[in-house]
Amino acid sequence: MDQQNSGKKCFSLVVRKLTALKLGILQILEYNTTKFIVSLPMFDLPQEDETSQILAEMAAEGIDLSQPMQIDFFAAFEFKEQAEKALPQVQKLQVNQLSFTKVKVQKPEVGGGVELVASVNLIPNAETLDKWDQAFTDCVEKLKGYSDGWGIAL
């Protein structure tokens, strides 16, 4: 965090999987506008351990994981039409009788293409996040999208 915000508990933590993450090479943590790249040997870890590790890092940063929070899932599409076609399908997804509260298509902060962002409010734990991530990934990949991870904003 920069000096201006160092005393404040308001910051944004975004965990995004990139193509490199699929290869187990890196993970990006974004605090406000400063990005930190952390190399992790994720290719040795099962998926639930990766999520557990991310949650442990979030808890270490002082995030209260016992409270409901908005979790955003991201998908990248080459064309806007593909993302718009996926939007109603993602809106219909349900995990443990919960649905996404907001689904939108937008231009990504970095790179080209189009990004679909789906938000759900829940108490984060590895099992629940893995179920949501799998359902979201299965849905967007059937529609020619690429699941690009999840994140939170506080």
Protein backbone atom coordinates (compact mmCIF):
# COMPACT_ATOMS: atom_id res chain seq x y z
CA MET A 1 0.00 0.00 0.00
CA ASP A 2 1.21 3.52 -0.68
CA GLN A 3 1.97 6.04 2.08
CA GLN A 4 -1.31 7.89 1.58
CA ASN A 5 -3.39 4.78 2.28
CA SER A 6 -1.06 2.96 4.69
CA GLY A 7 -3.17 3.83 7.74
CA LYS A 8 -6.46 2.93 6.14
CA LYS A 9 -8.07 -0.48 6.06
CA CYS A 10 -9.72 0.24 2.72
CA PHE A 11 -7.87 -1.42 -0.07
CA SER A 12 -8.67 -3.61 -2.96
CA LEU A 13 -7.40 -7.16 -3.22
CA VAL A 14 -7.84 -8.85 -6.52
CA VAL A 15 -6.67 -12.35 -7.25
CA ARG A 16 -6.56 -12.95 -10.97
CA LYS A 17 -5.48 -16.09 -12.75
CA LEU A 18 -3.62 -15.41 -15.95
CA THR A 19 -2.58 -17.86 -18.61
CA ALA A 20 0.67 -18.16 -16.67
CA LEU A 21 -1.30 -19.17 -13.60
CA LYS A 22 -2.77 -22.07 -15.55
CA LEU A 23 0.85 -23.16 -15.95
CA GLY A 24 1.47 -22.63 -12.23
CA ILE A 25 3.93 -19.81 -12.75
CA LEU A 26 2.54 -16.72 -11.04
CA GLN A 27 -0.25 -15.03 -9.18
CA ILE A 28 -1.03 -11.32 -9.22
CA LEU A 29 -2.20 -9.52 -6.12
CA GLU A 30 -3.39 -5.96 -6.76
CA TYR A 31 -3.52 -3.42 -3.94
CA ASN A 32 -5.12 -0.19 -5.19
CA THR A 33 -3.07 0.60 -8.31
CA THR A 34 0.15 -1.13 -7.25
CA LYS A 35 0.63 -4.67 -8.50
CA PHE A 36 2.75 -7.27 -6.78
CA ILE A 37 3.73 -10.40 -8.68
CA VAL A 38 4.35 -13.41 -6.49
CA SER A 39 5.88 -16.59 -7.87
CA LEU A 40 4.29 -19.69 -6.44
CA PRO A 41 4.83 -23.36 -7.27
CA MET A 42 1.07 -23.87 -7.77
CA PHE A 43 1.54 -26.70 -10.24
CA ASP A 44 2.37 -28.90 -7.23
CA LEU A 45 -0.84 -28.02 -5.38
CA PRO A 46 -4.37 -29.34 -5.88
CA GLN A 47 -6.99 -26.65 -6.72
CA GLU A 48 -8.47 -26.54 -3.20
CA ASP A 49 -5.02 -25.96 -1.71
CA GLU A 50 -4.49 -23.02 -4.07
CA THR A 51 -7.76 -21.45 -2.90
CA SER A 52 -6.94 -22.18 0.75
CA GLN A 53 -3.54 -20.55 0.31
CA ILE A 54 -5.11 -17.43 -1.22
CA LEU A 55 -7.65 -17.23 1.62
CA ALA A 56 -4.84 -17.60 4.18
CA GLU A 57 -2.98 -14.70 2.51
CA MET A 58 -6.16 -12.60 2.62
CA ALA A 59 -6.64 -13.38 6.34
CA ALA A 60 -3.00 -12.46 6.98
CA GLU A 61 -3.73 -9.06 5.37
CA GLY A 62 -6.46 -8.51 7.95
CA ILE A 63 -9.51 -9.39 5.86
CA ASP A 64 -12.30 -10.85 8.02
CA LEU A 65 -13.27 -14.04 6.19
CA SER A 66 -16.13 -14.76 8.61
CA GLN A 67 -18.24 -11.98 7.07
CA PRO A 68 -20.16 -12.11 3.77
CA MET A 69 -18.45 -10.20 0.98
CA GLN A 70 -18.79 -9.63 -2.73
CA ILE A 71 -16.75 -12.12 -4.75
CA ASP A 72 -16.22 -11.23 -8.41
CA PHE A 73 -15.53 -13.91 -11.01
CA PHE A 74 -13.90 -12.84 -14.27
CA ALA A 75 -14.05 -14.31 -17.77
CA ALA A 76 -12.29 -13.10 -20.90
CA PHE A 77 -13.89 -13.25 -24.34
CA GLU A 78 -12.44 -12.33 -27.70
CA PHE A 79 -15.62 -10.63 -28.92
CA LYS A 80 -18.38 -8.64 -27.21
CA GLU A 81 -21.06 -10.79 -28.89
CA GLN A 82 -19.64 -13.92 -27.23
CA ALA A 83 -19.66 -12.29 -23.80
CA GLU A 84 -23.20 -10.99 -24.29
CA LYS A 85 -24.33 -14.49 -25.31
CA ALA A 86 -22.76 -15.88 -22.11
CA LEU A 87 -24.34 -13.23 -19.85
CA PRO A 88 -27.82 -14.84 -19.48
CA GLN A 89 -26.28 -18.28 -19.03
CA VAL A 90 -24.05 -17.03 -16.22
CA GLN A 91 -27.03 -15.24 -14.62
CA LYS A 92 -28.84 -18.61 -14.42
CA LEU A 93 -25.99 -20.37 -12.57
CA GLN A 94 -26.72 -21.53 -9.03
CA VAL A 95 -24.42 -23.00 -6.40
CA ASN A 96 -25.86 -24.03 -3.03
CA GLN A 97 -29.13 -22.23 -3.94
CA LEU A 98 -27.29 -18.91 -4.51
CA SER A 99 -27.11 -17.03 -7.80
CA PHE A 100 -24.90 -14.22 -9.03
CA THR A 101 -26.28 -10.87 -7.85
CA LYS A 102 -24.77 -8.91 -10.75
CA VAL A 103 -23.36 -9.92 -14.14
CA LYS A 104 -21.93 -7.37 -16.55
CA VAL A 105 -19.83 -7.12 -19.70
CA GLN A 106 -17.06 -4.52 -19.78
CA LYS A 107 -13.75 -3.61 -21.36
CA PRO A 108 -10.89 -5.13 -19.34
CA GLU A 109 -8.45 -2.87 -17.50
CA VAL A 110 -5.56 -4.46 -19.39
CA GLY A 111 -5.44 -5.99 -22.86
CA GLY A 112 -8.02 -6.40 -25.56
CA GLY A 113 -11.18 -8.37 -25.90
CA VAL A 114 -14.09 -8.18 -23.50
CA GLU A 115 -14.49 -9.14 -19.86
CA LEU A 116 -17.54 -10.63 -18.18
CA VAL A 117 -17.73 -9.98 -14.42
CA ALA A 118 -20.15 -11.96 -12.24
CA SER A 119 -20.61 -11.04 -8.56
CA VAL A 120 -21.99 -13.08 -5.68
CA ASN A 121 -22.22 -12.26 -1.97
CA LEU A 122 -21.07 -15.04 0.33
CA ILE A 123 -18.86 -15.98 3.25
CA PRO A 124 -15.66 -17.11 1.53
CA ASN A 125 -14.26 -20.57 2.16
CA ALA A 126 -12.22 -22.84 -0.09
CA GLU A 127 -14.95 -25.40 -0.75
CA THR A 128 -17.59 -22.82 -1.70
CA LEU A 129 -15.20 -20.77 -3.86
CA ASP A 130 -14.01 -23.89 -5.68
CA LYS A 131 -17.64 -24.88 -6.43
CA TRP A 132 -18.41 -21.40 -7.77
CA ASP A 133 -15.17 -21.28 -9.76
CA GLN A 134 -15.85 -24.68 -11.34
CA ALA A 135 -19.47 -23.86 -12.25
CA PHE A 136 -18.44 -20.47 -13.68
CA THR A 137 -15.51 -21.96 -15.62
CA ASP A 138 -17.64 -24.77 -17.09
CA CYS A 139 -20.28 -22.26 -18.21
CA VAL A 140 -17.99 -19.68 -19.85
CA GLU A 141 -15.72 -22.24 -21.51
CA LYS A 142 -18.74 -23.83 -23.24
CA LEU A 143 -19.39 -20.37 -24.71
CA LYS A 144 -15.83 -19.76 -25.97
CA GLY A 145 -14.69 -17.76 -22.95
CA TYR A 146 -11.74 -18.17 -20.62
CA SER A 147 -12.27 -18.13 -16.86
CA ASP A 148 -9.80 -15.60 -15.45
CA GLY A 149 -10.17 -16.16 -11.70
CA TRP A 150 -11.92 -14.39 -8.86
CA GLY A 151 -11.32 -11.46 -6.57
CA ILE A 152 -12.75 -9.23 -3.86
CA ALA A 153 -12.95 -5.49 -3.40
CA LEU A 154 -13.18 -4.03 0.09
